[in-house]
């Protein structure tokens, strides 16, 4: 049975450190936050976030949040996977989130769910109202949650007519360090990943990933990846936002070009992307358009 939980959370602390800050390109930063939850969910959340500062003044973000406390009458911990946008000029924020498969611990083992929040500074002040539709040990139900962030992905392409591309990629570097290894619950880690692309996209990239790995093999990850290269005869750079999950029931995710992140001749690039492996190679597809083309 699905239960609809509501409540609010309030940020209690926040620190931020840029990890990719080059003149002429949008800044990429890491953030660490603690939240206090009240309502149908009570407890504390520790957030590890990745943020892309966009040319339009907004901030696109993805994050992992380990919540420790109580959901309904059950006590334990779980991990929320966020994908959202903070619109500084308007004083608003919106995000979707899901419970990373396999991340529940204690009485919350087997927790699955999805929801999100919309915050307005004038309406809500310092607290943010949220929702979470959840169940514990449901039937295989990860097909829906595998598309977390899809609403944002489609909205960020602005209804443009997209041109498909196909490239292959090779991982040339993977540097991973532990981030959070509690006695109970999944381990969190941070990884810096380097790639080379060949095909319709020629170039290289550096990605910052946050990983959640459960004992049963379920996993989720988020990330920001700056790609530098040549696409459709144009050179420049852009940032791809990652958000994906895997479980015994399903796997999938959403990837899209962060609006306002493209530079050089690629300025105005929008698009939806996908990373996958077939029988022979690692494939990157990007369906793209340019804002100034007006199509």
C-alpha atoms as a PDB file:
ATOM      1  CA  UNK A   1       0.000   0.000   0.000  1.00  0.00           C
ATOM      2  CA  UNK A   2       1.345   3.433  -0.971  1.00  0.00           C
ATOM      3  CA  UNK A   3       1.377   6.062   1.793  1.00  0.00           C
ATOM      4  CA  UNK A   4       1.420   9.797   1.030  1.00  0.00           C
ATOM      5  CA  UNK A   5       3.778  11.587   3.414  1.00  0.00           C
ATOM      6  CA  UNK A   6       3.973  15.377   3.762  1.00  0.00           C
ATOM      7  CA  UNK A   7       6.027  17.709   5.894  1.00  0.00           C
ATOM      8  CA  UNK A   8       8.747  20.298   5.700  1.00  0.00           C
ATOM      9  CA  UNK A   9      12.481  20.572   6.112  1.00  0.00           C
ATOM     10  CA  UNK A  10      14.734  23.456   7.102  1.00  0.00           C
ATOM     11  CA  UNK A  11      18.392  23.909   6.216  1.00  0.00           C
ATOM     12  CA  UNK A  12      20.570  24.070   9.346  1.00  0.00           C
ATOM     13  CA  UNK A  13      24.014  24.343   7.759  1.00  0.00           C
ATOM     14  CA  UNK A  14      25.568  24.815   4.323  1.00  0.00           C
ATOM     15  CA  UNK A  15      29.116  24.839   2.942  1.00  0.00           C
ATOM     16  CA  UNK A  16      30.162  25.062  -0.707  1.00  0.00           C
ATOM     17  CA  UNK A  17      33.418  24.616  -2.619  1.00  0.00           C
ATOM     18  CA  UNK A  18      33.939  25.062  -6.410  1.00  0.00           C
ATOM     19  CA  UNK A  19      35.599  22.104  -8.145  1.00  0.00           C
ATOM     20  CA  UNK A  20      35.575  23.369 -11.753  1.00  0.00           C
ATOM     21  CA  UNK A  21      35.855  27.130 -12.192  1.00  0.00           C
ATOM     22  CA  UNK A  22      37.292  28.316 -15.524  1.00  0.00           C
ATOM     23  CA  UNK A  23      36.812  31.767 -17.053  1.00  0.00           C
ATOM     24  CA  UNK A  24      34.034  31.747 -19.628  1.00  0.00           C
ATOM     25  CA  UNK A  25      32.466  28.499 -18.383  1.00  0.00           C
ATOM     26  CA  UNK A  26      29.691  28.038 -15.800  1.00  0.00           C
ATOM     27  CA  UNK A  27      31.028  27.286 -12.312  1.00  0.00           C
ATOM     28  CA  UNK A  28      30.588  23.751 -10.933  1.00  0.00           C
ATOM     29  CA  UNK A  29      30.524  23.325  -7.147  1.00  0.00           C
ATOM     30  CA  UNK A  30      30.151  20.743  -4.387  1.00  0.00           C
ATOM     31  CA  UNK A  31      27.924  21.502  -1.419  1.00  0.00           C
ATOM     32  CA  UNK A  32      27.294  19.887   1.970  1.00  0.00           C
ATOM     33  CA  UNK A  33      24.060  20.663   3.828  1.00  0.00           C
ATOM     34  CA  UNK A  34      22.200  19.408   6.888  1.00  0.00           C
ATOM     35  CA  UNK A  35      18.383  19.498   6.980  1.00  0.00           C
ATOM     36  CA  UNK A  36      15.936  19.096   9.849  1.00  0.00           C
ATOM     37  CA  UNK A  37      12.754  17.200   8.851  1.00  0.00           C
ATOM     38  CA  UNK A  38       9.349  17.493  10.542  1.00  0.00           C
ATOM     39  CA  UNK A  39       5.880  16.186   9.736  1.00  0.00           C
ATOM     40  CA  UNK A  40       5.325  12.616   8.536  1.00  0.00           C
ATOM     41  CA  UNK A  41       9.112  12.288   8.291  1.00  0.00           C
ATOM     42  CA  UNK A  42      11.170  13.426  11.286  1.00  0.00           C
ATOM     43  CA  UNK A  43      14.914  13.428  11.688  1.00  0.00           C
ATOM     44  CA  UNK A  44      18.041  14.834  10.084  1.00  0.00           C
ATOM     45  CA  UNK A  45      19.289  14.723   6.514  1.00  0.00           C
ATOM     46  CA  UNK A  46      22.895  15.120   5.383  1.00  0.00           C
ATOM     47  CA  UNK A  47      23.107  16.298   1.769  1.00  0.00           C
ATOM     48  CA  UNK A  48      26.017  15.931  -0.667  1.00  0.00           C
ATOM     49  CA  UNK A  49      25.227  18.129  -3.684  1.00  0.00           C
ATOM     50  CA  UNK A  50      26.692  18.975  -7.086  1.00  0.00           C
ATOM     51  CA  UNK A  51      25.686  22.324  -8.627  1.00  0.00           C
ATOM     52  CA  UNK A  52      26.016  23.966 -12.034  1.00  0.00           C
ATOM     53  CA  UNK A  53      25.702  27.759 -12.149  1.00  0.00           C
ATOM     54  CA  UNK A  54      23.823  28.621 -15.344  1.00  0.00           C
ATOM     55  CA  UNK A  55      24.100  31.664 -17.601  1.00  0.00           C
ATOM     56  CA  UNK A  56      20.439  32.532 -16.896  1.00  0.00           C
ATOM     57  CA  UNK A  57      21.155  32.960 -13.177  1.00  0.00           C
ATOM     58  CA  UNK A  58      19.623  29.624 -12.114  1.00  0.00           C
ATOM     59  CA  UNK A  59      21.465  26.714 -10.494  1.00  0.00           C
ATOM     60  CA  UNK A  60      20.877  23.141 -11.658  1.00  0.00           C
ATOM     61  CA  UNK A  61      21.666  20.601  -8.954  1.00  0.00           C
ATOM     62  CA  UNK A  62      21.720  16.917  -8.154  1.00  0.00           C
ATOM     63  CA  UNK A  63      22.329  15.468  -4.703  1.00  0.00           C
ATOM     64  CA  UNK A  64      22.277  12.457  -2.412  1.00  0.00           C
ATOM     65  CA  UNK A  65      20.770  12.890   1.057  1.00  0.00           C
ATOM     66  CA  UNK A  66      20.986  10.323   3.836  1.00  0.00           C
ATOM     67  CA  UNK A  67      17.992  10.818   6.125  1.00  0.00           C
ATOM     68  CA  UNK A  68      18.174   9.330   9.628  1.00  0.00           C
ATOM     69  CA  UNK A  69      15.023   9.346  11.734  1.00  0.00           C
ATOM     70  CA  UNK A  70      11.432   8.173  11.494  1.00  0.00           C
ATOM     71  CA  UNK A  71       8.984   7.654   8.621  1.00  0.00           C
ATOM     72  CA  UNK A  72       5.506   7.032   9.978  1.00  0.00           C
ATOM     73  CA  UNK A  73       6.034   4.587  12.836  1.00  0.00           C
ATOM     74  CA  UNK A  74       9.288   3.124  11.435  1.00  0.00           C
ATOM     75  CA  UNK A  75      12.765   4.165  12.518  1.00  0.00           C
ATOM     76  CA  UNK A  76      15.938   3.900  10.482  1.00  0.00           C
ATOM     77  CA  UNK A  77      17.691   5.609   7.590  1.00  0.00           C
ATOM     78  CA  UNK A  78      17.481   5.866   3.793  1.00  0.00           C
ATOM     79  CA  UNK A  79      18.985   7.833   0.909  1.00  0.00           C
ATOM     80  CA  UNK A  80      17.100  10.357  -1.243  1.00  0.00           C
ATOM     81  CA  UNK A  81      18.306  11.090  -4.763  1.00  0.00           C
ATOM     82  CA  UNK A  82      17.513  14.715  -5.826  1.00  0.00           C
ATOM     83  CA  UNK A  83      17.365  16.446  -9.218  1.00  0.00           C
ATOM     84  CA  UNK A  84      16.294  20.077  -9.338  1.00  0.00           C
ATOM     85  CA  UNK A  85      16.692  23.769 -10.170  1.00  0.00           C
ATOM     86  CA  UNK A  86      17.157  26.752  -7.861  1.00  0.00           C
ATOM     87  CA  UNK A  87      16.043  29.982  -9.558  1.00  0.00           C
ATOM     88  CA  UNK A  88      17.946  32.686  -7.698  1.00  0.00           C
ATOM     89  CA  UNK A  89      16.287  35.655  -9.377  1.00  0.00           C
ATOM     90  CA  UNK A  90      12.785  34.411  -8.553  1.00  0.00           C
ATOM     91  CA  UNK A  91      13.551  33.009  -5.105  1.00  0.00           C
ATOM     92  CA  UNK A  92      12.118  29.588  -5.990  1.00  0.00           C
ATOM     93  CA  UNK A  93      13.344  26.011  -6.154  1.00  0.00           C
ATOM     94  CA  UNK A  94      11.856  22.747  -7.388  1.00  0.00           C
ATOM     95  CA  UNK A  95      13.103  19.177  -7.330  1.00  0.00           C
ATOM     96  CA  UNK A  96      12.048  15.598  -7.760  1.00  0.00           C
ATOM     97  CA  UNK A  97      13.472  12.912  -5.536  1.00  0.00           C
ATOM     98  CA  UNK A  98      13.342   9.172  -5.050  1.00  0.00           C
ATOM     99  CA  UNK A  99      14.472   6.711  -2.425  1.00  0.00           C
ATOM    100  CA  UNK A 100      17.605   5.084  -3.855  1.00  0.00           C
ATOM    101  CA  UNK A 101      16.737   1.366  -4.264  1.00  0.00           C
ATOM    102  CA  UNK A 102      18.162  -0.781  -1.461  1.00  0.00           C
ATOM    103  CA  UNK A 103      19.136   2.223   0.684  1.00  0.00           C
ATOM    104  CA  UNK A 104      16.703   1.672   3.568  1.00  0.00           C
ATOM    105  CA  UNK A 105      18.172   0.470   6.892  1.00  0.00           C
ATOM    106  CA  UNK A 106      16.704  -0.515  10.256  1.00  0.00           C
ATOM    107  CA  UNK A 107      12.901  -0.629  10.286  1.00  0.00           C
ATOM    108  CA  UNK A 108      13.007   1.205   6.919  1.00  0.00           C
ATOM    109  CA  UNK A 109      14.692  -1.671   5.103  1.00  0.00           C
ATOM    110  CA  UNK A 110      12.807  -2.230   1.825  1.00  0.00           C
ATOM    111  CA  UNK A 111      11.621   1.391   1.617  1.00  0.00           C
ATOM    112  CA  UNK A 112      10.761   2.594  -1.895  1.00  0.00           C
ATOM    113  CA  UNK A 113       9.274   5.910  -2.900  1.00  0.00           C
ATOM    114  CA  UNK A 114       9.330   9.115  -4.885  1.00  0.00           C
ATOM    115  CA  UNK A 115       8.201  12.701  -4.446  1.00  0.00           C
ATOM    116  CA  UNK A 116       9.764  16.117  -4.323  1.00  0.00           C
ATOM    117  CA  UNK A 117       9.302  19.701  -3.305  1.00  0.00           C
ATOM    118  CA  UNK A 118       8.576  23.234  -4.527  1.00  0.00           C
ATOM    119  CA  UNK A 119       9.849  26.161  -2.497  1.00  0.00           C
ATOM    120  CA  UNK A 120       8.937  29.827  -2.764  1.00  0.00           C
ATOM    121  CA  UNK A 121      10.825  32.300  -0.564  1.00  0.00           C
ATOM    122  CA  UNK A 122       7.880  34.665  -0.150  1.00  0.00           C
ATOM    123  CA  UNK A 123       5.387  31.902   0.620  1.00  0.00           C
ATOM    124  CA  UNK A 124       7.518  29.458   2.624  1.00  0.00           C
ATOM    125  CA  UNK A 125      10.255  31.515   4.270  1.00  0.00           C
ATOM    126  CA  UNK A 126      12.982  29.289   5.750  1.00  0.00           C
ATOM    127  CA  UNK A 127      11.098  25.971   5.493  1.00  0.00           C
ATOM    128  CA  UNK A 128      10.453  23.866   2.402  1.00  0.00           C
ATOM    129  CA  UNK A 129       7.282  21.744   2.059  1.00  0.00           C
ATOM    130  CA  UNK A 130       7.798  18.236   0.641  1.00  0.00           C
ATOM    131  CA  UNK A 131       5.906  15.106  -0.363  1.00  0.00           C
ATOM    132  CA  UNK A 132       6.971  11.464  -0.510  1.00  0.00           C
ATOM    133  CA  UNK A 133       4.751   8.621  -1.762  1.00  0.00           C
ATOM    134  CA  UNK A 134       6.285   5.486  -0.249  1.00  0.00           C
ATOM    135  CA  UNK A 135       5.819   1.852   0.601  1.00  0.00           C
ATOM    136  CA  UNK A 136       7.930  -0.751   2.359  1.00  0.00           C
ATOM    137  CA  UNK A 137       8.866  -4.018   0.638  1.00  0.00           C
ATOM    138  CA  UNK A 138       6.513  -3.523  -2.327  1.00  0.00           C
ATOM    139  CA  UNK A 139       6.446  -5.658  -5.454  1.00  0.00           C
ATOM    140  CA  UNK A 140       9.050  -4.818  -8.113  1.00  0.00           C
ATOM    141  CA  UNK A 141       8.252  -1.158  -8.591  1.00  0.00           C
ATOM    142  CA  UNK A 142      11.440   0.495  -9.725  1.00  0.00           C
ATOM    143  CA  UNK A 143      10.345   1.026 -13.322  1.00  0.00           C
ATOM    144  CA  UNK A 144       8.730   4.333 -12.370  1.00  0.00           C
ATOM    145  CA  UNK A 145      11.552   5.518 -10.140  1.00  0.00           C
ATOM    146  CA  UNK A 146      14.173   4.697 -12.756  1.00  0.00           C
ATOM    147  CA  UNK A 147      12.989   7.793 -14.623  1.00  0.00           C
ATOM    148  CA  UNK A 148      13.470  10.178 -11.703  1.00  0.00           C
ATOM    149  CA  UNK A 149      14.111  13.644 -13.078  1.00  0.00           C
ATOM    150  CA  UNK A 150      12.449  12.927 -16.425  1.00  0.00           C
ATOM    151  CA  UNK A 151      10.086  15.893 -15.971  1.00  0.00           C
ATOM    152  CA  UNK A 152      13.078  18.194 -15.581  1.00  0.00           C
ATOM    153  CA  UNK A 153      14.862  16.553 -18.507  1.00  0.00           C
ATOM    154  CA  UNK A 154      12.004  17.198 -20.902  1.00  0.00           C
ATOM    155  CA  UNK A 155      11.305  20.706 -19.628  1.00  0.00           C
ATOM    156  CA  UNK A 156      14.949  21.687 -20.024  1.00  0.00           C
ATOM    157  CA  UNK A 157      14.848  20.969 -23.773  1.00  0.00           C
ATOM    158  CA  UNK A 158      12.219  23.680 -24.149  1.00  0.00           C
ATOM    159  CA  UNK A 159      10.045  21.778 -26.658  1.00  0.00           C
ATOM    160  CA  UNK A 160      12.697  22.134 -29.378  1.00  0.00           C
ATOM    161  CA  UNK A 161      12.920  19.785 -32.365  1.00  0.00           C
ATOM    162  CA  UNK A 162      15.907  17.594 -31.534  1.00  0.00           C
ATOM    163  CA  UNK A 163      18.548  16.126 -33.871  1.00  0.00           C
ATOM    164  CA  UNK A 164      19.839  12.651 -32.857  1.00  0.00           C
ATOM    165  CA  UNK A 165      23.558  11.824 -32.621  1.00  0.00           C
ATOM    166  CA  UNK A 166      25.542   8.722 -31.697  1.00  0.00           C
ATOM    167  CA  UNK A 167      29.080   8.480 -30.363  1.00  0.00           C
ATOM    168  CA  UNK A 168      31.208   5.957 -28.517  1.00  0.00           C
ATOM    169  CA  UNK A 169      33.105   6.715 -25.349  1.00  0.00           C
ATOM    170  CA  UNK A 170      36.059   5.293 -23.466  1.00  0.00           C
ATOM    171  CA  UNK A 171      36.678   5.752 -19.749  1.00  0.00           C
ATOM    172  CA  UNK A 172      40.312   6.812 -19.369  1.00  0.00           C
ATOM    173  CA  UNK A 173      40.349   7.567 -15.644  1.00  0.00           C
ATOM    174  CA  UNK A 174      38.371   6.681 -12.516  1.00  0.00           C
ATOM    175  CA  UNK A 175      39.421   8.102  -9.139  1.00  0.00           C
ATOM    176  CA  UNK A 176      37.045   7.055  -6.344  1.00  0.00           C
ATOM    177  CA  UNK A 177      37.136   7.901  -2.638  1.00  0.00           C
ATOM    178  CA  UNK A 178      34.787   6.908   0.231  1.00  0.00           C
ATOM    179  CA  UNK A 179      32.348   9.600   1.313  1.00  0.00           C
ATOM    180  CA  UNK A 180      30.145   8.015   3.976  1.00  0.00           C
ATOM    181  CA  UNK A 181      30.400   4.422   5.256  1.00  0.00           C
ATOM    182  CA  UNK A 182      27.925   3.947   8.135  1.00  0.00           C
ATOM    183  CA  UNK A 183      27.576   0.772  10.180  1.00  0.00           C
ATOM    184  CA  UNK A 184      24.076   0.294   8.730  1.00  0.00           C
ATOM    185  CA  UNK A 185      22.904   1.352   5.301  1.00  0.00           C
ATOM    186  CA  UNK A 186      24.555   1.776   1.896  1.00  0.00           C
ATOM    187  CA  UNK A 187      27.983   3.255   1.334  1.00  0.00           C
ATOM    188  CA  UNK A 188      28.342   6.629  -0.394  1.00  0.00           C
ATOM    189  CA  UNK A 189      31.364   7.511  -2.518  1.00  0.00           C
ATOM    190  CA  UNK A 190      32.666  10.300  -4.752  1.00  0.00           C
ATOM    191  CA  UNK A 191      34.355   9.633  -8.102  1.00  0.00           C
ATOM    192  CA  UNK A 192      36.094  11.759 -10.707  1.00  0.00           C
ATOM    193  CA  UNK A 193      35.775  10.119 -14.127  1.00  0.00           C
ATOM    194  CA  UNK A 194      37.565  11.017 -17.383  1.00  0.00           C
ATOM    195  CA  UNK A 195      36.237  10.029 -20.841  1.00  0.00           C
ATOM    196  CA  UNK A 196      37.097  10.342 -24.523  1.00  0.00           C
ATOM    197  CA  UNK A 197      34.282  10.574 -27.123  1.00  0.00           C
ATOM    198  CA  UNK A 198      34.450   9.558 -30.792  1.00  0.00           C
ATOM    199  CA  UNK A 199      31.763   9.844 -33.469  1.00  0.00           C
ATOM    200  CA  UNK A 200      29.233  12.628 -33.886  1.00  0.00           C
ATOM    201  CA  UNK A 201      30.776  14.080 -30.729  1.00  0.00           C
ATOM    202  CA  UNK A 202      34.569  14.320 -30.720  1.00  0.00           C
ATOM    203  CA  UNK A 203      36.121  15.399 -27.454  1.00  0.00           C
ATOM    204  CA  UNK A 204      36.799  14.595 -23.836  1.00  0.00           C
ATOM    205  CA  UNK A 205      35.112  15.098 -20.497  1.00  0.00           C
ATOM    206  CA  UNK A 206      35.567  15.203 -16.752  1.00  0.00           C
ATOM    207  CA  UNK A 207      32.673  14.071 -14.549  1.00  0.00           C
ATOM    208  CA  UNK A 208      32.106  14.426 -10.823  1.00  0.00           C
ATOM    209  CA  UNK A 209      29.870  11.588  -9.557  1.00  0.00           C
ATOM    210  CA  UNK A 210      28.253  10.767  -6.208  1.00  0.00           C
ATOM    211  CA  UNK A 211      27.510   7.039  -5.802  1.00  0.00           C
ATOM    212  CA  UNK A 212      25.192   5.077  -3.504  1.00  0.00           C
ATOM    213  CA  UNK A 213      25.831   1.294  -3.353  1.00  0.00           C
ATOM    214  CA  UNK A 214      23.554  -1.013  -1.340  1.00  0.00           C
ATOM    215  CA  UNK A 215      24.513  -4.456  -0.041  1.00  0.00           C
ATOM    216  CA  UNK A 216      21.941  -6.187  -2.284  1.00  0.00           C
ATOM    217  CA  UNK A 217      23.531  -4.779  -5.461  1.00  0.00           C
ATOM    218  CA  UNK A 218      21.023  -1.948  -5.907  1.00  0.00           C
ATOM    219  CA  UNK A 219      22.609   1.402  -6.645  1.00  0.00           C
ATOM    220  CA  UNK A 220      22.029   5.005  -7.607  1.00  0.00           C
ATOM    221  CA  UNK A 221      24.247   7.804  -8.757  1.00  0.00           C
ATOM    222  CA  UNK A 222      24.146  11.475  -9.676  1.00  0.00           C
ATOM    223  CA  UNK A 223      26.708  13.619 -11.439  1.00  0.00           C
ATOM    224  CA  UNK A 224      27.775  16.642 -13.440  1.00  0.00           C
ATOM    225  CA  UNK A 225      30.017  16.153 -16.482  1.00  0.00           C
ATOM    226  CA  UNK A 226      31.737  18.922 -18.432  1.00  0.00           C
ATOM    227  CA  UNK A 227      32.303  17.906 -22.060  1.00  0.00           C
ATOM    228  CA  UNK A 228      34.787  19.810 -24.244  1.00  0.00           C
ATOM    229  CA  UNK A 229      34.894  19.081 -27.960  1.00  0.00           C
ATOM    230  CA  UNK A 230      33.216  19.343 -31.348  1.00  0.00           C
ATOM    231  CA  UNK A 231      29.557  18.618 -32.149  1.00  0.00           C
ATOM    232  CA  UNK A 232      27.742  19.312 -35.438  1.00  0.00           C
ATOM    233  CA  UNK A 233      30.764  21.183 -36.756  1.00  0.00           C
ATOM    234  CA  UNK A 234      30.841  23.490 -33.720  1.00  0.00           C
ATOM    235  CA  UNK A 235      33.455  23.572 -30.971  1.00  0.00           C
ATOM    236  CA  UNK A 236      32.904  24.470 -27.351  1.00  0.00           C
ATOM    237  CA  UNK A 237      31.849  22.899 -24.062  1.00  0.00           C
ATOM    238  CA  UNK A 238      28.670  21.932 -22.193  1.00  0.00           C
ATOM    239  CA  UNK A 239      27.592  20.226 -18.969  1.00  0.00           C
ATOM    240  CA  UNK A 240      25.544  17.006 -18.770  1.00  0.00           C
ATOM    241  CA  UNK A 241      23.506  16.297 -15.625  1.00  0.00           C
ATOM    242  CA  UNK A 242      23.279  12.609 -14.564  1.00  0.00           C
ATOM    243  CA  UNK A 243      20.660  10.869 -12.401  1.00  0.00           C
ATOM    244  CA  UNK A 244      20.266   7.066 -12.548  1.00  0.00           C
ATOM    245  CA  UNK A 245      19.330   3.993 -10.501  1.00  0.00           C
ATOM    246  CA  UNK A 246      19.700   0.231 -10.759  1.00  0.00           C
ATOM    247  CA  UNK A 247      17.911  -2.578  -8.904  1.00  0.00           C
ATOM    248  CA  UNK A 248      16.875  -6.185  -9.434  1.00  0.00           C
ATOM    249  CA  UNK A 249      13.642  -4.919 -11.020  1.00  0.00           C
ATOM    250  CA  UNK A 250      14.834  -2.242 -13.442  1.00  0.00           C
ATOM    251  CA  UNK A 251      17.509   0.237 -14.312  1.00  0.00           C
ATOM    252  CA  UNK A 252      17.502   3.572 -16.045  1.00  0.00           C
ATOM    253  CA  UNK A 253      17.913   7.265 -15.575  1.00  0.00           C
ATOM    254  CA  UNK A 254      17.853  10.725 -17.071  1.00  0.00           C
ATOM    255  CA  UNK A 255      20.687  12.732 -18.576  1.00  0.00           C
ATOM    256  CA  UNK A 256      20.376  16.183 -20.134  1.00  0.00           C
ATOM    257  CA  UNK A 257      22.409  19.221 -21.122  1.00  0.00           C
ATOM    258  CA  UNK A 258      22.199  21.821 -18.354  1.00  0.00           C
ATOM    259  CA  UNK A 259      20.596  24.927 -19.943  1.00  0.00           C
ATOM    260  CA  UNK A 260      22.983  27.858 -20.149  1.00  0.00           C
ATOM    261  CA  UNK A 261      26.045  25.633 -19.633  1.00  0.00           C
ATOM    262  CA  UNK A 262      27.282  25.577 -23.249  1.00  0.00           C
ATOM    263  CA  UNK A 263      30.133  27.840 -24.347  1.00  0.00           C
ATOM    264  CA  UNK A 264      31.904  28.848 -27.552  1.00  0.00           C
ATOM    265  CA  UNK A 265      30.180  27.869 -30.788  1.00  0.00           C
ATOM    266  CA  UNK A 266      27.942  25.499 -28.790  1.00  0.00           C
ATOM    267  CA  UNK A 267      26.299  28.331 -26.863  1.00  0.00           C
ATOM    268  CA  UNK A 268      22.523  27.782 -26.713  1.00  0.00           C
ATOM    269  CA  UNK A 269      22.814  23.973 -26.836  1.00  0.00           C
ATOM    270  CA  UNK A 270      19.927  21.995 -25.315  1.00  0.00           C
ATOM    271  CA  UNK A 271      19.467  18.240 -25.376  1.00  0.00           C
ATOM    272  CA  UNK A 272      18.658  14.859 -23.836  1.00  0.00           C
ATOM    273  CA  UNK A 273      21.407  12.248 -23.529  1.00  0.00           C
ATOM    274  CA  UNK A 274      21.889   8.587 -22.668  1.00  0.00           C
ATOM    275  CA  UNK A 275      24.883   6.424 -21.756  1.00  0.00           C
ATOM    276  CA  UNK A 276      24.644   2.691 -22.395  1.00  0.00           C
ATOM    277  CA  UNK A 277      26.704  -0.387 -23.207  1.00  0.00           C
ATOM    278  CA  UNK A 278      25.777  -2.740 -26.029  1.00  0.00           C
ATOM    279  CA  UNK A 279      27.478  -6.030 -26.971  1.00  0.00           C
ATOM    280  CA  UNK A 280      30.473  -4.312 -28.520  1.00  0.00           C
ATOM    281  CA  UNK A 281      31.053  -0.828 -27.114  1.00  0.00           C
ATOM    282  CA  UNK A 282      30.055   1.994 -24.783  1.00  0.00           C
ATOM    283  CA  UNK A 283      27.586   4.341 -26.520  1.00  0.00           C
ATOM    284  CA  UNK A 284      26.637   7.970 -25.864  1.00  0.00           C
ATOM    285  CA  UNK A 285      23.564   9.346 -27.624  1.00  0.00           C
ATOM    286  CA  UNK A 286      22.594  13.019 -27.610  1.00  0.00           C
ATOM    287  CA  UNK A 287      19.415  14.450 -29.113  1.00  0.00           C
ATOM    288  CA  UNK A 288      20.115  18.173 -29.387  1.00  0.00           C
ATOM    289  CA  UNK A 289      19.006  21.562 -30.682  1.00  0.00           C
ATOM    290  CA  UNK A 290      20.211  25.153 -30.429  1.00  0.00           C
ATOM    291  CA  UNK A 291      17.981  27.765 -28.830  1.00  0.00           C
ATOM    292  CA  UNK A 292      18.813  30.441 -31.384  1.00  0.00           C
ATOM    293  CA  UNK A 293      17.596  28.271 -34.241  1.00  0.00           C
ATOM    294  CA  UNK A 294      14.038  28.644 -32.964  1.00  0.00           C
ATOM    295  CA  UNK A 295      12.919  25.211 -34.129  1.00  0.00           C
END
